Amino acid sequence: MENEVLYRGKSLTELKAMEKEEYLQFLPSSQRRKIVRGFTEQEEKLLKKVRNNEKNIKTHCRDMVIIPELLDIKISVYNGKEFIQIHPTIETFGMRLGELAPSRKIGVKHAGGKK
């Protein structure tokens, strides 16, 4: 039997079945405040695409908090140069989309002064 991944004791199906007020209790304070204050126009547009089950969802909303509606959906997030496809899972619940699409690469590592 495979172990089911839980987020603070709740499974994916339980999280998706929760109302907004219920799953807000599981989020850190900054993410909770962001959701309570309301989503921006672009974030509402993204949620509308998710609710309509559109394919190839692309967004520039790097500061969008991953809520239960966004779990297990492939979303392409812009990192400043290109769109990086991410697949939010239960482990990433409460994070922001930008955290999963890095905007900086690791720089060139030079050999350095030792000979």
C-alpha atoms as a PDB file:
ATOM      1  CA  MET A   1       0.000   0.000   0.000  1.00  0.00           C
ATOM      2  CA  GLU A   2       1.419   3.356  -1.052  1.00  0.00           C
ATOM      3  CA  ASN A   3       1.567   6.075   1.577  1.00  0.00           C
ATOM      4  CA  GLU A   4      -0.759   8.965   0.836  1.00  0.00           C
ATOM      5  CA  VAL A   5       0.830  12.396   1.013  1.00  0.00           C
ATOM      6  CA  LEU A   6      -0.806  14.649   3.586  1.00  0.00           C
ATOM      7  CA  TYR A   7      -0.615  18.372   4.267  1.00  0.00           C
ATOM      8  CA  ARG A   8      -1.001  18.967   7.995  1.00  0.00           C
ATOM      9  CA  GLY A   9      -3.083  15.807   8.317  1.00  0.00           C
ATOM     10  CA  LYS A  10      -5.348  16.477   5.319  1.00  0.00           C
ATOM     11  CA  SER A  11      -5.314  14.593   2.014  1.00  0.00           C
ATOM     12  CA  LEU A  12      -5.669  16.188  -1.408  1.00  0.00           C
ATOM     13  CA  THR A  13      -9.345  15.278  -1.718  1.00  0.00           C
ATOM     14  CA  GLU A  14     -10.067  16.677   1.757  1.00  0.00           C
ATOM     15  CA  LEU A  15      -8.290  19.954   0.886  1.00  0.00           C
ATOM     16  CA  LYS A  16     -10.204  20.326  -2.377  1.00  0.00           C
ATOM     17  CA  ALA A  17     -13.520  19.714  -0.569  1.00  0.00           C
ATOM     18  CA  MET A  18     -12.840  22.429   2.037  1.00  0.00           C
ATOM     19  CA  GLU A  19     -14.379  25.868   1.989  1.00  0.00           C
ATOM     20  CA  LYS A  20     -12.153  28.945   1.813  1.00  0.00           C
ATOM     21  CA  GLU A  21     -12.378  29.689   5.548  1.00  0.00           C
ATOM     22  CA  GLU A  22     -11.390  26.115   6.413  1.00  0.00           C
ATOM     23  CA  TYR A  23      -8.232  25.856   4.300  1.00  0.00           C
ATOM     24  CA  LEU A  24      -7.122  29.372   5.309  1.00  0.00           C
ATOM     25  CA  GLN A  25      -6.412  27.971   8.784  1.00  0.00           C
ATOM     26  CA  PHE A  26      -3.670  25.776   7.298  1.00  0.00           C
ATOM     27  CA  LEU A  27      -1.798  28.621   5.565  1.00  0.00           C
ATOM     28  CA  PRO A  28       0.948  30.853   6.963  1.00  0.00           C
ATOM     29  CA  SER A  29      -0.153  34.397   7.873  1.00  0.00           C
ATOM     30  CA  SER A  30       1.227  36.196   4.782  1.00  0.00           C
ATOM     31  CA  GLN A  31      -0.563  33.831   2.391  1.00  0.00           C
ATOM     32  CA  ARG A  32      -3.724  34.031   4.487  1.00  0.00           C
ATOM     33  CA  ARG A  33      -3.693  37.848   4.335  1.00  0.00           C
ATOM     34  CA  LYS A  34      -3.146  37.775   0.562  1.00  0.00           C
ATOM     35  CA  ILE A  35      -6.220  35.605   0.025  1.00  0.00           C
ATOM     36  CA  VAL A  36      -8.412  37.492   2.511  1.00  0.00           C
ATOM     37  CA  ARG A  37      -7.603  40.830   0.864  1.00  0.00           C
ATOM     38  CA  GLY A  38      -8.688  39.424  -2.472  1.00  0.00           C
ATOM     39  CA  PHE A  39      -7.052  38.427  -5.722  1.00  0.00           C
ATOM     40  CA  THR A  40      -5.898  40.867  -8.384  1.00  0.00           C
ATOM     41  CA  GLU A  41      -7.586  41.084 -11.768  1.00  0.00           C
ATOM     42  CA  GLN A  42      -4.903  38.891 -13.369  1.00  0.00           C
ATOM     43  CA  GLU A  43      -5.198  36.299 -10.603  1.00  0.00           C
ATOM     44  CA  GLU A  44      -8.986  36.189 -11.046  1.00  0.00           C
ATOM     45  CA  LYS A  45      -8.410  35.645 -14.769  1.00  0.00           C
ATOM     46  CA  LEU A  46      -6.086  32.724 -13.961  1.00  0.00           C
ATOM     47  CA  LEU A  47      -8.658  31.174 -11.609  1.00  0.00           C
ATOM     48  CA  LYS A  48     -11.341  31.535 -14.283  1.00  0.00           C
ATOM     49  CA  LYS A  49      -9.137  29.593 -16.731  1.00  0.00           C
ATOM     50  CA  VAL A  50      -8.564  26.891 -14.101  1.00  0.00           C
ATOM     51  CA  ARG A  51     -12.288  26.615 -13.353  1.00  0.00           C
ATOM     52  CA  ASN A  52     -13.044  26.295 -17.094  1.00  0.00           C
ATOM     53  CA  ASN A  53     -10.520  23.410 -17.365  1.00  0.00           C
ATOM     54  CA  GLU A  54      -8.552  25.145 -20.097  1.00  0.00           C
ATOM     55  CA  LYS A  55      -5.423  23.526 -21.544  1.00  0.00           C
ATOM     56  CA  ASN A  56      -2.021  25.246 -21.692  1.00  0.00           C
ATOM     57  CA  ILE A  57      -2.648  27.775 -18.923  1.00  0.00           C
ATOM     58  CA  LYS A  58       0.015  30.489 -18.988  1.00  0.00           C
ATOM     59  CA  THR A  59       0.401  33.249 -16.426  1.00  0.00           C
ATOM     60  CA  HIS A  60       2.660  36.056 -15.288  1.00  0.00           C
ATOM     61  CA  CYS A  61       1.174  35.936 -11.753  1.00  0.00           C
ATOM     62  CA  ARG A  62       4.222  34.768  -9.851  1.00  0.00           C
ATOM     63  CA  ASP A  63       2.780  35.998  -6.532  1.00  0.00           C
ATOM     64  CA  MET A  64      -0.388  33.868  -6.773  1.00  0.00           C
ATOM     65  CA  VAL A  65      -0.760  31.635  -3.697  1.00  0.00           C
ATOM     66  CA  ILE A  66      -1.295  27.969  -4.524  1.00  0.00           C
ATOM     67  CA  ILE A  67      -4.809  27.166  -3.316  1.00  0.00           C
ATOM     68  CA  PRO A  68      -6.598  23.793  -3.550  1.00  0.00           C
ATOM     69  CA  GLU A  69      -8.089  24.700  -6.964  1.00  0.00           C
ATOM     70  CA  LEU A  70      -4.580  24.927  -8.451  1.00  0.00           C
ATOM     71  CA  LEU A  71      -3.380  21.550  -7.178  1.00  0.00           C
ATOM     72  CA  ASP A  72      -2.733  18.838  -9.790  1.00  0.00           C
ATOM     73  CA  ILE A  73      -3.059  21.236 -12.742  1.00  0.00           C
ATOM     74  CA  LYS A  74      -0.213  22.042 -15.116  1.00  0.00           C
ATOM     75  CA  ILE A  75       0.455  25.783 -15.253  1.00  0.00           C
ATOM     76  CA  SER A  76       3.158  27.645 -17.175  1.00  0.00           C
ATOM     77  CA  VAL A  77       4.646  30.499 -15.129  1.00  0.00           C
ATOM     78  CA  TYR A  78       6.715  33.264 -16.706  1.00  0.00           C
ATOM     79  CA  ASN A  79      10.172  33.661 -15.165  1.00  0.00           C
ATOM     80  CA  GLY A  80      11.190  36.825 -17.015  1.00  0.00           C
ATOM     81  CA  LYS A  81      12.515  35.061 -20.090  1.00  0.00           C
ATOM     82  CA  GLU A  82      10.344  32.030 -20.786  1.00  0.00           C
ATOM     83  CA  PHE A  83       7.375  30.094 -19.455  1.00  0.00           C
ATOM     84  CA  ILE A  84       8.303  27.252 -17.102  1.00  0.00           C
ATOM     85  CA  GLN A  85       5.715  24.520 -16.682  1.00  0.00           C
ATOM     86  CA  ILE A  86       4.992  23.584 -13.092  1.00  0.00           C
ATOM     87  CA  HIS A  87       2.709  20.981 -11.584  1.00  0.00           C
ATOM     88  CA  PRO A  88       1.622  22.090  -8.077  1.00  0.00           C
ATOM     89  CA  THR A  89       1.192  19.143  -5.708  1.00  0.00           C
ATOM     90  CA  ILE A  90      -0.005  18.896  -2.132  1.00  0.00           C
ATOM     91  CA  GLU A  91       3.552  19.549  -0.886  1.00  0.00           C
ATOM     92  CA  THR A  92       3.484  22.988  -2.558  1.00  0.00           C
ATOM     93  CA  PHE A  93       0.126  24.058  -1.093  1.00  0.00           C
ATOM     94  CA  GLY A  94       0.457  27.578   0.328  1.00  0.00           C
ATOM     95  CA  MET A  95       3.575  28.447  -1.663  1.00  0.00           C
ATOM     96  CA  ARG A  96       3.566  31.042  -4.426  1.00  0.00           C
ATOM     97  CA  LEU A  97       3.831  30.137  -8.110  1.00  0.00           C
ATOM     98  CA  GLY A  98       7.042  32.154  -8.463  1.00  0.00           C
ATOM     99  CA  GLU A  99       8.807  29.947  -5.920  1.00  0.00           C
ATOM    100  CA  LEU A 100       8.452  26.989  -8.279  1.00  0.00           C
ATOM    101  CA  ALA A 101       9.656  28.838 -11.398  1.00  0.00           C
ATOM    102  CA  PRO A 102      13.132  30.206 -10.613  1.00  0.00           C
ATOM    103  CA  SER A 103      13.994  33.468 -12.334  1.00  0.00           C
ATOM    104  CA  ARG A 104      17.746  33.231 -11.825  1.00  0.00           C
ATOM    105  CA  LYS A 105      20.206  30.620 -12.974  1.00  0.00           C
ATOM    106  CA  ILE A 106      23.260  29.543 -11.069  1.00  0.00           C
ATOM    107  CA  GLY A 107      26.123  31.624 -12.400  1.00  0.00           C
ATOM    108  CA  VAL A 108      29.249  30.371 -14.111  1.00  0.00           C
ATOM    109  CA  LYS A 109      31.684  28.735 -11.719  1.00  0.00           C
ATOM    110  CA  HIS A 110      35.241  29.657 -12.552  1.00  0.00           C
ATOM    111  CA  ALA A 111      38.244  27.506 -11.732  1.00  0.00           C
ATOM    112  CA  GLY A 112      39.599  30.076  -9.313  1.00  0.00           C
ATOM    113  CA  GLY A 113      43.126  30.961  -8.184  1.00  0.00           C
ATOM    114  CA  LYS A 114      44.637  27.557  -7.243  1.00  0.00           C
ATOM    115  CA  LYS A 115      47.100  25.963  -9.661  1.00  0.00           C
END
